[in-house]
N, C-alpha and C. Protein backbone atom coordinates (compact mmCIF):
# COMPACT_ATOMS: atom_id res chain seq x y z
N UNK A 1 -19.94 2.23 30.27
CA UNK A 1 -18.88 2.33 29.29
C UNK A 1 -19.42 1.90 27.93
N UNK A 2 -19.18 2.74 26.94
CA UNK A 2 -19.66 2.44 25.60
C UNK A 2 -18.73 1.47 24.89
N UNK A 3 -19.32 0.64 24.10
CA UNK A 3 -18.54 -0.31 23.31
C UNK A 3 -18.04 0.39 22.05
N UNK A 4 -16.75 0.25 21.75
CA UNK A 4 -16.18 0.92 20.60
C UNK A 4 -16.26 0.04 19.35
N UNK A 5 -16.35 0.70 18.22
CA UNK A 5 -16.36 0.00 16.94
C UNK A 5 -14.94 -0.46 16.64
N UNK A 6 -14.76 -1.70 16.26
CA UNK A 6 -13.40 -2.17 15.94
C UNK A 6 -12.81 -1.40 14.75
N UNK A 7 -11.49 -1.25 14.80
CA UNK A 7 -10.80 -0.49 13.77
C UNK A 7 -10.99 -1.13 12.39
N UNK A 8 -11.02 -2.44 12.33
CA UNK A 8 -11.21 -3.14 11.04
C UNK A 8 -12.57 -2.81 10.43
N UNK A 9 -13.60 -2.74 11.26
CA UNK A 9 -14.93 -2.41 10.76
C UNK A 9 -14.98 -0.98 10.25
N UNK A 10 -14.32 -0.08 10.97
CA UNK A 10 -14.25 1.31 10.51
C UNK A 10 -13.49 1.41 9.20
N UNK A 11 -12.45 0.61 9.06
CA UNK A 11 -11.65 0.63 7.83
C UNK A 11 -12.47 0.16 6.64
N UNK A 12 -13.27 -0.89 6.84
CA UNK A 12 -14.10 -1.40 5.75
C UNK A 12 -15.15 -0.37 5.36
N UNK A 13 -15.78 0.28 6.34
CA UNK A 13 -16.76 1.32 6.04
C UNK A 13 -16.11 2.50 5.33
N UNK A 14 -14.92 2.89 5.79
CA UNK A 14 -14.21 4.00 5.15
C UNK A 14 -13.82 3.64 3.72
N UNK A 15 -13.43 2.39 3.50
CA UNK A 15 -13.06 1.95 2.15
C UNK A 15 -14.26 2.01 1.22
N UNK A 16 -15.42 1.65 1.71
CA UNK A 16 -16.64 1.71 0.90
C UNK A 16 -16.97 3.15 0.52
N UNK A 17 -16.68 4.09 1.42
CA UNK A 17 -16.98 5.50 1.15
C UNK A 17 -15.95 6.10 0.21
N UNK A 18 -14.66 5.88 0.46
CA UNK A 18 -13.63 6.53 -0.35
C UNK A 18 -13.58 6.00 -1.78
N UNK A 19 -14.10 4.82 -2.03
CA UNK A 19 -14.14 4.30 -3.40
C UNK A 19 -15.11 5.09 -4.27
N UNK A 20 -16.07 5.76 -3.65
CA UNK A 20 -17.06 6.52 -4.39
C UNK A 20 -16.65 7.97 -4.63
N UNK A 21 -15.54 8.39 -4.04
CA UNK A 21 -15.08 9.77 -4.19
C UNK A 21 -14.16 9.89 -5.41
N UNK A 22 -14.22 11.04 -6.09
CA UNK A 22 -13.36 11.22 -7.27
C UNK A 22 -11.94 11.64 -6.88
N UNK A 23 -11.21 10.73 -6.27
CA UNK A 23 -9.87 11.02 -5.77
C UNK A 23 -8.78 10.22 -6.50
N UNK A 24 -9.12 9.64 -7.63
CA UNK A 24 -8.20 8.73 -8.30
C UNK A 24 -7.84 9.28 -9.67
N UNK A 25 -6.74 8.78 -10.23
CA UNK A 25 -6.23 9.33 -11.48
C UNK A 25 -6.37 8.33 -12.62
N UNK A 26 -6.55 8.88 -13.80
CA UNK A 26 -6.59 8.06 -15.01
C UNK A 26 -5.75 8.76 -16.06
N UNK A 27 -4.86 8.03 -16.67
CA UNK A 27 -4.02 8.56 -17.74
C UNK A 27 -4.84 8.47 -19.02
N UNK A 28 -5.08 9.61 -19.65
CA UNK A 28 -5.90 9.62 -20.85
C UNK A 28 -5.03 9.75 -22.09
N UNK A 29 -5.52 9.19 -23.17
CA UNK A 29 -4.82 9.24 -24.45
C UNK A 29 -5.86 9.48 -25.53
N UNK A 30 -5.69 10.57 -26.29
CA UNK A 30 -6.62 10.89 -27.35
C UNK A 30 -5.85 10.94 -28.67
N UNK A 31 -6.30 10.17 -29.63
CA UNK A 31 -5.69 10.16 -30.95
C UNK A 31 -6.43 11.16 -31.81
N UNK A 32 -5.74 12.21 -32.22
CA UNK A 32 -6.34 13.27 -33.03
C UNK A 32 -5.93 13.04 -34.48
N UNK A 33 -6.91 12.90 -35.34
CA UNK A 33 -6.65 12.71 -36.78
C UNK A 33 -6.84 14.06 -37.48
N UNK A 34 -5.92 14.39 -38.37
CA UNK A 34 -6.01 15.64 -39.12
C UNK A 34 -6.80 15.43 -40.40
N UNK A 35 -7.59 16.41 -40.78
CA UNK A 35 -8.45 16.30 -41.95
C UNK A 35 -7.68 16.29 -43.26
N UNK A 36 -6.49 16.88 -43.29
CA UNK A 36 -5.74 16.95 -44.54
C UNK A 36 -4.98 15.65 -44.85
N UNK A 37 -5.12 14.63 -43.99
CA UNK A 37 -4.51 13.35 -44.24
C UNK A 37 -3.02 13.29 -43.90
N UNK A 38 -2.53 14.26 -43.18
CA UNK A 38 -1.09 14.29 -42.85
C UNK A 38 -0.75 13.49 -41.60
N UNK A 39 -1.61 12.58 -41.24
CA UNK A 39 -1.34 11.77 -40.05
C UNK A 39 -2.17 12.27 -38.88
N UNK A 40 -1.55 12.27 -37.76
CA UNK A 40 -2.27 12.70 -36.57
C UNK A 40 -1.31 12.86 -35.42
N UNK A 41 -1.86 13.05 -34.27
CA UNK A 41 -1.06 13.20 -33.07
C UNK A 41 -1.78 12.54 -31.90
N UNK A 42 -1.04 12.23 -30.89
CA UNK A 42 -1.61 11.66 -29.68
C UNK A 42 -1.46 12.69 -28.57
N UNK A 43 -2.56 13.01 -27.93
CA UNK A 43 -2.54 13.96 -26.82
C UNK A 43 -2.71 13.18 -25.53
N UNK A 44 -1.78 13.38 -24.61
CA UNK A 44 -1.82 12.72 -23.31
C UNK A 44 -2.36 13.69 -22.28
N UNK A 45 -3.07 13.16 -21.31
CA UNK A 45 -3.61 14.00 -20.25
C UNK A 45 -3.94 13.18 -19.02
N UNK A 46 -4.56 13.85 -18.07
CA UNK A 46 -4.96 13.22 -16.81
C UNK A 46 -6.41 13.54 -16.56
N UNK A 47 -7.05 12.65 -15.83
CA UNK A 47 -8.45 12.84 -15.47
C UNK A 47 -8.65 12.33 -14.05
N UNK A 48 -9.38 13.09 -13.25
CA UNK A 48 -9.78 12.61 -11.93
C UNK A 48 -11.05 11.79 -12.09
N UNK A 49 -11.13 10.68 -11.36
CA UNK A 49 -12.30 9.82 -11.50
C UNK A 49 -12.49 9.01 -10.22
N UNK A 50 -13.61 8.31 -10.17
CA UNK A 50 -13.86 7.37 -9.08
C UNK A 50 -13.29 6.02 -9.49
N UNK A 51 -13.15 5.11 -8.55
CA UNK A 51 -12.67 3.78 -8.90
C UNK A 51 -13.64 3.06 -9.83
N UNK A 52 -14.90 3.32 -9.65
CA UNK A 52 -15.92 2.68 -10.51
C UNK A 52 -15.78 3.14 -11.97
N UNK A 53 -15.61 4.45 -12.17
CA UNK A 53 -15.46 4.93 -13.55
C UNK A 53 -14.12 4.50 -14.15
N UNK A 54 -13.08 4.40 -13.32
CA UNK A 54 -11.80 3.89 -13.81
C UNK A 54 -11.96 2.45 -14.30
N UNK A 55 -12.64 1.65 -13.50
CA UNK A 55 -12.82 0.25 -13.87
C UNK A 55 -13.70 0.12 -15.12
N UNK A 56 -14.67 1.02 -15.28
CA UNK A 56 -15.53 0.99 -16.46
C UNK A 56 -14.73 1.29 -17.74
N UNK A 57 -13.72 2.14 -17.63
CA UNK A 57 -12.89 2.49 -18.79
C UNK A 57 -11.70 1.55 -18.97
N UNK A 58 -11.47 0.66 -18.03
CA UNK A 58 -10.24 -0.15 -18.00
C UNK A 58 -10.05 -0.98 -19.27
N UNK A 59 -11.10 -1.63 -19.74
CA UNK A 59 -10.92 -2.52 -20.89
C UNK A 59 -10.75 -1.77 -22.20
N UNK A 60 -11.04 -0.46 -22.21
CA UNK A 60 -10.87 0.34 -23.42
C UNK A 60 -9.51 1.04 -23.47
N UNK A 61 -8.71 0.89 -22.44
CA UNK A 61 -7.42 1.57 -22.40
C UNK A 61 -6.41 0.84 -23.27
N UNK A 62 -5.51 1.61 -23.83
CA UNK A 62 -4.44 1.07 -24.66
C UNK A 62 -3.28 0.65 -23.76
N UNK A 63 -2.46 -0.29 -24.21
CA UNK A 63 -1.30 -0.70 -23.41
C UNK A 63 -0.34 0.44 -23.10
N UNK A 64 -0.28 1.45 -23.98
CA UNK A 64 0.60 2.59 -23.74
C UNK A 64 0.19 3.40 -22.52
N UNK A 65 -1.04 3.28 -22.11
CA UNK A 65 -1.53 4.00 -20.93
C UNK A 65 -1.16 3.30 -19.63
N UNK A 66 -0.65 2.10 -19.70
CA UNK A 66 -0.26 1.29 -18.54
C UNK A 66 -1.40 1.18 -17.52
N UNK A 67 -2.53 0.62 -17.95
CA UNK A 67 -3.70 0.58 -17.06
C UNK A 67 -3.50 -0.25 -15.81
N UNK A 68 -2.75 -1.35 -15.89
CA UNK A 68 -2.55 -2.19 -14.70
C UNK A 68 -1.76 -1.45 -13.63
N UNK A 69 -0.74 -0.70 -14.04
CA UNK A 69 0.05 0.06 -13.07
C UNK A 69 -0.82 1.12 -12.38
N UNK A 70 -1.64 1.83 -13.17
CA UNK A 70 -2.48 2.87 -12.58
C UNK A 70 -3.60 2.28 -11.73
N UNK A 71 -4.05 1.08 -12.05
CA UNK A 71 -5.01 0.41 -11.18
C UNK A 71 -4.37 0.10 -9.83
N UNK A 72 -3.13 -0.37 -9.86
CA UNK A 72 -2.41 -0.63 -8.61
C UNK A 72 -2.24 0.65 -7.80
N UNK A 73 -1.88 1.73 -8.47
CA UNK A 73 -1.72 3.02 -7.77
C UNK A 73 -3.04 3.46 -7.16
N UNK A 74 -4.13 3.33 -7.91
CA UNK A 74 -5.43 3.76 -7.40
C UNK A 74 -5.91 2.90 -6.24
N UNK A 75 -5.64 1.61 -6.27
CA UNK A 75 -6.02 0.74 -5.15
C UNK A 75 -5.20 1.10 -3.92
N UNK A 76 -3.91 1.37 -4.11
CA UNK A 76 -3.08 1.81 -2.98
C UNK A 76 -3.58 3.13 -2.42
N UNK A 77 -3.99 4.05 -3.29
CA UNK A 77 -4.56 5.31 -2.82
C UNK A 77 -5.84 5.07 -2.03
N UNK A 78 -6.71 4.18 -2.51
CA UNK A 78 -7.96 3.88 -1.81
C UNK A 78 -7.68 3.32 -0.42
N UNK A 79 -6.73 2.40 -0.32
CA UNK A 79 -6.39 1.83 0.99
C UNK A 79 -5.80 2.89 1.91
N UNK A 80 -4.96 3.74 1.36
CA UNK A 80 -4.38 4.83 2.16
C UNK A 80 -5.44 5.81 2.64
N UNK A 81 -6.34 6.22 1.74
CA UNK A 81 -7.42 7.13 2.13
C UNK A 81 -8.30 6.49 3.20
N UNK A 82 -8.63 5.22 3.05
CA UNK A 82 -9.48 4.53 4.03
C UNK A 82 -8.79 4.45 5.38
N UNK A 83 -7.49 4.17 5.38
CA UNK A 83 -6.75 4.11 6.64
C UNK A 83 -6.75 5.47 7.34
N UNK A 84 -6.51 6.53 6.60
CA UNK A 84 -6.49 7.87 7.19
C UNK A 84 -7.86 8.25 7.74
N UNK A 85 -8.93 7.94 7.00
CA UNK A 85 -10.28 8.26 7.47
C UNK A 85 -10.61 7.45 8.71
N UNK A 86 -10.31 6.15 8.70
CA UNK A 86 -10.62 5.30 9.85
C UNK A 86 -9.81 5.73 11.08
N UNK A 87 -8.56 6.07 10.88
CA UNK A 87 -7.73 6.52 11.99
C UNK A 87 -8.24 7.85 12.55
N UNK A 88 -8.65 8.75 11.68
CA UNK A 88 -9.19 10.04 12.13
C UNK A 88 -10.48 9.86 12.92
N UNK A 89 -11.35 9.00 12.43
CA UNK A 89 -12.61 8.74 13.15
C UNK A 89 -12.32 8.09 14.49
N UNK A 90 -11.41 7.15 14.50
CA UNK A 90 -11.04 6.47 15.75
C UNK A 90 -10.50 7.46 16.79
N UNK A 91 -9.60 8.34 16.35
CA UNK A 91 -9.04 9.33 17.27
C UNK A 91 -10.10 10.33 17.74
N UNK A 92 -10.99 10.73 16.83
CA UNK A 92 -12.05 11.66 17.21
C UNK A 92 -13.00 11.02 18.22
N UNK A 93 -13.35 9.75 18.02
CA UNK A 93 -14.24 9.08 18.97
C UNK A 93 -13.54 8.84 20.30
N UNK A 94 -12.27 8.53 20.27
CA UNK A 94 -11.53 8.33 21.51
C UNK A 94 -11.42 9.62 22.30
N UNK A 95 -11.17 10.72 21.62
CA UNK A 95 -11.08 12.02 22.29
C UNK A 95 -12.42 12.43 22.88
N UNK A 96 -13.49 12.07 22.18
CA UNK A 96 -14.82 12.42 22.65
C UNK A 96 -15.21 11.60 23.89
N UNK A 97 -14.77 10.35 23.97
CA UNK A 97 -15.17 9.48 25.08
C UNK A 97 -14.23 9.54 26.27
N UNK A 98 -13.08 10.22 26.15
CA UNK A 98 -12.17 10.33 27.29
C UNK A 98 -12.80 11.18 28.39
N UNK A 99 -12.71 10.73 29.63
CA UNK A 99 -13.28 11.54 30.72
C UNK A 99 -12.43 12.78 30.96
N UNK A 100 -13.09 13.87 31.28
CA UNK A 100 -12.37 15.11 31.58
C UNK A 100 -11.77 15.04 32.97
N UNK A 101 -10.54 15.52 33.09
CA UNK A 101 -9.86 15.49 34.40
C UNK A 101 -10.05 16.78 35.13
């Protein structure tokens, strides 16, 4: 009988992998200045990024972008992705090791 990998260990490994994938969102804000001096405009958008690139941009974000809220959302997404990956691997390994009847 083979020894199975604990679910917690699979979850930690899955979390390490999903943090490197570009599955997270960043609210972008670009201030466009007009050359004629009539002011400017702010363009809002979205960007897909990894958690590492999000954290690298975190200190440059403006309060209007609500960086803390989006960090919370991205961490929740990372935990959710890791849980789904670990559960899928666990079910796949269990199905593979079940004896055929």
